């Protein structure tokens, strides 16, 4: 998937455009804006994603499968359709006990 595939005012099914790669975390940037960054990820079984902490809150939503999220030493299991907001300046870890896809939006303002 190329970033130019995501154009404004066109409908997309992100889940269908993002594909798993064996033993890999696939990260696609949809948009970088002054107010937010939109990223979609596909994690293969056993992979662990450790985003760099930012001063901004991050909204995440599982769009396929399920993920285990660790924030401030508290584990939360997110299923397909579940979402949460990770506060700014907070370390987090997201682990794939099965393949899953996730939408991540860094809320800058």
Protein backbone atom coordinates (compact mmCIF):
# COMPACT_ATOMS: atom_id res chain seq x y z
CA UNK A 1 0.00 0.00 0.00
CA UNK A 2 1.38 3.41 -0.93
CA UNK A 3 0.55 6.53 1.07
CA UNK A 4 -0.84 8.21 -2.04
CA UNK A 5 -3.56 5.55 -2.16
CA UNK A 6 -5.32 7.41 0.67
CA UNK A 7 -6.83 10.53 -0.81
CA UNK A 8 -9.25 12.87 0.87
CA UNK A 9 -13.00 12.49 0.29
CA UNK A 10 -12.74 8.89 -0.91
CA UNK A 11 -14.09 5.95 1.08
CA UNK A 12 -11.62 3.23 2.14
CA UNK A 13 -11.81 -0.08 3.94
CA UNK A 14 -8.46 0.15 5.73
CA UNK A 15 -8.72 -3.41 6.96
CA UNK A 16 -8.77 -4.72 3.39
CA UNK A 17 -5.93 -2.47 2.15
CA UNK A 18 -3.53 -3.42 4.97
CA UNK A 19 -1.98 -6.89 4.65
CA UNK A 20 -0.13 -9.08 7.13
CA UNK A 21 3.50 -10.00 6.52
CA UNK A 22 4.92 -13.04 8.30
CA UNK A 23 6.95 -12.20 11.42
CA UNK A 24 6.57 -8.46 10.79
CA UNK A 25 4.86 -5.30 12.01
CA UNK A 26 3.45 -3.48 8.98
CA UNK A 27 3.03 0.26 9.55
CA UNK A 28 1.31 2.52 7.01
CA UNK A 29 0.99 6.27 7.50
CA UNK A 30 -2.30 7.56 6.20
CA UNK A 31 -1.96 11.23 7.12
CA UNK A 32 0.36 13.68 8.83
CA UNK A 33 -1.47 16.83 9.81
CA UNK A 34 -0.82 19.72 12.18
CA UNK A 35 -3.51 18.39 14.51
CA UNK A 36 -3.02 14.60 14.17
CA UNK A 37 -1.09 11.69 12.69
CA UNK A 38 -3.10 8.72 11.43
CA UNK A 39 -1.36 5.34 11.25
CA UNK A 40 -2.61 1.80 10.62
CA UNK A 41 -0.69 -1.28 11.74
CA UNK A 42 -0.86 -5.02 11.10
CA UNK A 43 0.99 -7.17 13.63
CA UNK A 44 1.80 -10.80 13.05
CA UNK A 45 1.49 -13.34 15.88
CA UNK A 46 4.06 -12.79 18.63
CA UNK A 47 5.14 -9.32 17.56
CA UNK A 48 5.36 -6.47 20.08
CA UNK A 49 4.91 -2.82 19.10
CA UNK A 50 6.50 -0.23 21.40
CA UNK A 51 5.59 3.25 20.15
CA UNK A 52 7.77 6.14 21.23
CA UNK A 53 6.00 8.19 23.93
CA UNK A 54 4.81 11.55 22.64
CA UNK A 55 3.52 14.58 24.54
CA UNK A 56 0.15 13.95 22.87
CA UNK A 57 -2.65 11.51 23.62
CA UNK A 58 -3.06 8.60 21.20
CA UNK A 59 -6.37 7.02 20.24
CA UNK A 60 -6.10 3.35 19.22
CA UNK A 61 -8.76 1.00 17.87
CA UNK A 62 -8.44 -2.67 17.00
CA UNK A 63 -10.02 -3.14 13.56
CA UNK A 64 -9.36 -6.89 13.25
CA UNK A 65 -8.41 -9.57 15.80
CA UNK A 66 -7.39 -8.72 19.37
CA UNK A 67 -4.40 -7.14 21.11
CA UNK A 68 -2.95 -6.93 24.60
CA UNK A 69 -2.09 -3.35 25.56
CA UNK A 70 0.17 -2.45 28.49
CA UNK A 71 -0.12 1.14 29.75
CA UNK A 72 1.35 2.22 33.10
CA UNK A 73 1.84 -1.42 34.12
CA UNK A 74 -1.87 -2.20 33.53
CA UNK A 75 -2.77 -4.82 30.89
CA UNK A 76 -5.93 -4.40 28.82
CA UNK A 77 -7.18 -6.86 26.21
CA UNK A 78 -8.76 -5.09 23.24
CA UNK A 79 -11.02 -7.07 20.90
CA UNK A 80 -12.14 -6.20 17.38
CA UNK A 81 -13.88 -2.81 17.57
CA UNK A 82 -12.51 -1.89 21.02
CA UNK A 83 -10.61 1.36 21.49
CA UNK A 84 -8.78 3.34 24.14
CA UNK A 85 -6.93 6.61 24.60
CA UNK A 86 -3.33 6.42 25.79
CA UNK A 87 -2.36 9.63 27.62
CA UNK A 88 0.56 11.71 26.40
CA UNK A 89 4.02 11.07 27.87
CA UNK A 90 3.00 7.52 28.74
CA UNK A 91 4.97 4.43 27.75
CA UNK A 92 2.90 1.67 26.17
CA UNK A 93 3.39 -1.76 24.64
CA UNK A 94 1.01 -3.53 22.28
CA UNK A 95 1.39 -7.29 21.85
CA UNK A 96 -0.07 -9.66 19.28
CA UNK A 97 -1.16 -12.98 20.81
CA UNK A 98 -2.81 -13.44 17.43
CA UNK A 99 -2.62 -11.43 14.22
CA UNK A 100 -4.41 -8.10 14.49
CA UNK A 101 -4.86 -4.77 12.74
CA UNK A 102 -5.08 -1.44 14.54
CA UNK A 103 -5.80 2.19 13.79
CA UNK A 104 -3.72 4.74 15.73
CA UNK A 105 -4.39 8.50 15.80
CA UNK A 106 -2.00 10.83 17.62
CA UNK A 107 -4.13 13.75 18.81
CA UNK A 108 -1.84 16.79 18.66
CA UNK A 109 -4.35 19.50 19.60
